């Protein structure tokens, strides 16, 4: 007989791991351990406080840890705009990618940070 709590815990741990690797909900749902639907995965993870990549199919370029001070700044900026920290970071990166002077912008930011 299967332990329902143990199975649920194992599925959540696997789904959380895959979300942390940057997989989309559809890819997480297709994992044989998770074995669910994308909507159920999003809901399952949301209840656990974990966000997953947007369903628009963007490409994950990296997942990185930042200092608590950086998190506080990002959270303040996100709160001021009524969005999540993840949405703010996404907007920042996307706006850089759509700026014709993106390389200059990146150089200016990084050179000023030295």
Protein backbone atom coordinates (compact mmCIF):
# COMPACT_ATOMS: atom_id res chain seq x y z
CA UNK A 1 0.00 0.00 0.00
CA UNK A 2 1.27 3.45 -0.93
CA UNK A 3 1.70 6.23 1.61
CA UNK A 4 -0.32 9.12 0.13
CA UNK A 5 1.52 11.74 2.22
CA UNK A 6 4.91 10.34 1.21
CA UNK A 7 3.93 10.28 -2.47
CA UNK A 8 2.68 13.87 -2.30
CA UNK A 9 5.84 14.98 -0.52
CA UNK A 10 8.04 13.22 -3.09
CA UNK A 11 6.08 14.80 -5.96
CA UNK A 12 6.35 18.27 -4.39
CA UNK A 13 10.08 17.85 -3.81
CA UNK A 14 10.61 16.76 -7.42
CA UNK A 15 8.39 19.52 -8.82
CA UNK A 16 10.20 22.10 -6.66
CA UNK A 17 13.58 20.86 -7.83
CA UNK A 18 12.53 21.04 -11.47
CA UNK A 19 11.04 24.52 -10.98
CA UNK A 20 14.35 25.60 -9.46
CA UNK A 21 16.11 24.31 -12.56
CA UNK A 22 13.94 26.67 -14.62
CA UNK A 23 11.59 24.17 -16.22
CA UNK A 24 8.15 25.24 -17.40
CA UNK A 25 5.04 23.80 -15.75
CA UNK A 26 4.36 21.62 -18.81
CA UNK A 27 7.82 20.07 -18.58
CA UNK A 28 7.47 19.54 -14.82
CA UNK A 29 4.06 17.92 -15.31
CA UNK A 30 5.54 15.50 -17.85
CA UNK A 31 8.15 14.26 -15.38
CA UNK A 32 7.30 10.66 -14.42
CA UNK A 33 7.57 11.36 -10.69
CA UNK A 34 5.30 14.43 -10.87
CA UNK A 35 2.89 12.95 -13.48
CA UNK A 36 0.30 15.75 -13.52
CA UNK A 37 -1.11 18.56 -15.64
CA UNK A 38 0.60 21.95 -16.11
CA UNK A 39 -2.27 23.76 -14.36
CA UNK A 40 -2.13 21.37 -11.41
CA UNK A 41 1.64 21.82 -11.19
CA UNK A 42 1.33 25.62 -11.15
CA UNK A 43 -1.32 25.44 -8.43
CA UNK A 44 0.62 22.81 -6.46
CA UNK A 45 3.79 24.91 -6.50
CA UNK A 46 2.00 28.22 -5.93
CA UNK A 47 0.57 26.83 -2.68
CA UNK A 48 4.12 25.95 -1.66
CA UNK A 49 5.26 29.51 -2.47
CA UNK A 50 7.20 28.52 -5.59
CA UNK A 51 6.75 30.25 -8.93
CA UNK A 52 7.39 28.56 -12.25
CA UNK A 53 8.48 29.87 -15.59
CA UNK A 54 5.76 31.62 -17.54
CA UNK A 55 3.79 29.53 -20.01
CA UNK A 56 4.93 31.70 -22.93
CA UNK A 57 7.86 29.34 -23.32
CA UNK A 58 10.73 31.70 -22.60
CA UNK A 59 14.22 30.30 -22.37
CA UNK A 60 15.89 30.09 -18.98
CA UNK A 61 19.37 31.59 -19.19
CA UNK A 62 20.49 31.08 -15.61
CA UNK A 63 19.35 30.77 -12.06
CA UNK A 64 21.49 32.58 -9.54
CA UNK A 65 21.48 33.49 -5.88
CA UNK A 66 21.82 37.13 -4.85
CA UNK A 67 22.53 38.84 -1.54
CA UNK A 68 19.72 39.61 0.90
CA UNK A 69 20.34 43.33 0.29
CA UNK A 70 19.70 42.85 -3.43
CA UNK A 71 16.54 40.87 -2.70
CA UNK A 72 15.26 43.70 -0.48
CA UNK A 73 15.84 46.28 -3.24
CA UNK A 74 14.15 44.07 -5.83
CA UNK A 75 11.22 43.43 -3.49
CA UNK A 76 10.77 47.17 -2.85
CA UNK A 77 10.86 47.95 -6.56
CA UNK A 78 8.43 45.11 -7.31
CA UNK A 79 6.04 46.16 -4.55
CA UNK A 80 6.02 49.75 -5.84
CA UNK A 81 4.87 48.39 -9.20
CA UNK A 82 2.41 45.86 -7.82
CA UNK A 83 4.26 42.88 -9.29
CA UNK A 84 6.31 39.99 -7.97
CA UNK A 85 10.08 39.98 -7.68
CA UNK A 86 10.25 37.39 -10.48
CA UNK A 87 8.09 39.56 -12.73
CA UNK A 88 10.32 42.58 -12.02
CA UNK A 89 13.51 40.69 -12.88
CA UNK A 90 11.85 39.33 -16.01
CA UNK A 91 10.82 42.86 -17.09
CA UNK A 92 14.31 44.22 -16.44
CA UNK A 93 16.01 41.53 -18.47
CA UNK A 94 13.45 41.68 -21.28
CA UNK A 95 13.71 45.48 -21.50
CA UNK A 96 17.48 45.20 -21.83
CA UNK A 97 17.02 42.63 -24.58
CA UNK A 98 14.71 44.92 -26.53
CA UNK A 99 16.85 48.05 -26.19
CA UNK A 100 18.90 48.77 -29.31
CA UNK A 101 21.63 50.18 -27.07
CA UNK A 102 21.59 47.16 -24.74
CA UNK A 103 25.33 46.56 -24.85
CA UNK A 104 26.02 50.20 -23.98
CA UNK A 105 23.48 50.02 -21.15
CA UNK A 106 25.07 46.86 -19.74
CA UNK A 107 28.56 48.39 -19.99
CA UNK A 108 27.42 51.56 -18.23
CA UNK A 109 25.79 49.64 -15.38
CA UNK A 110 28.71 47.27 -14.87
CA UNK A 111 31.40 49.95 -15.25
CA UNK A 112 29.65 52.19 -12.71
CA UNK A 113 29.39 49.30 -10.25
CA UNK A 114 33.17 48.89 -9.97
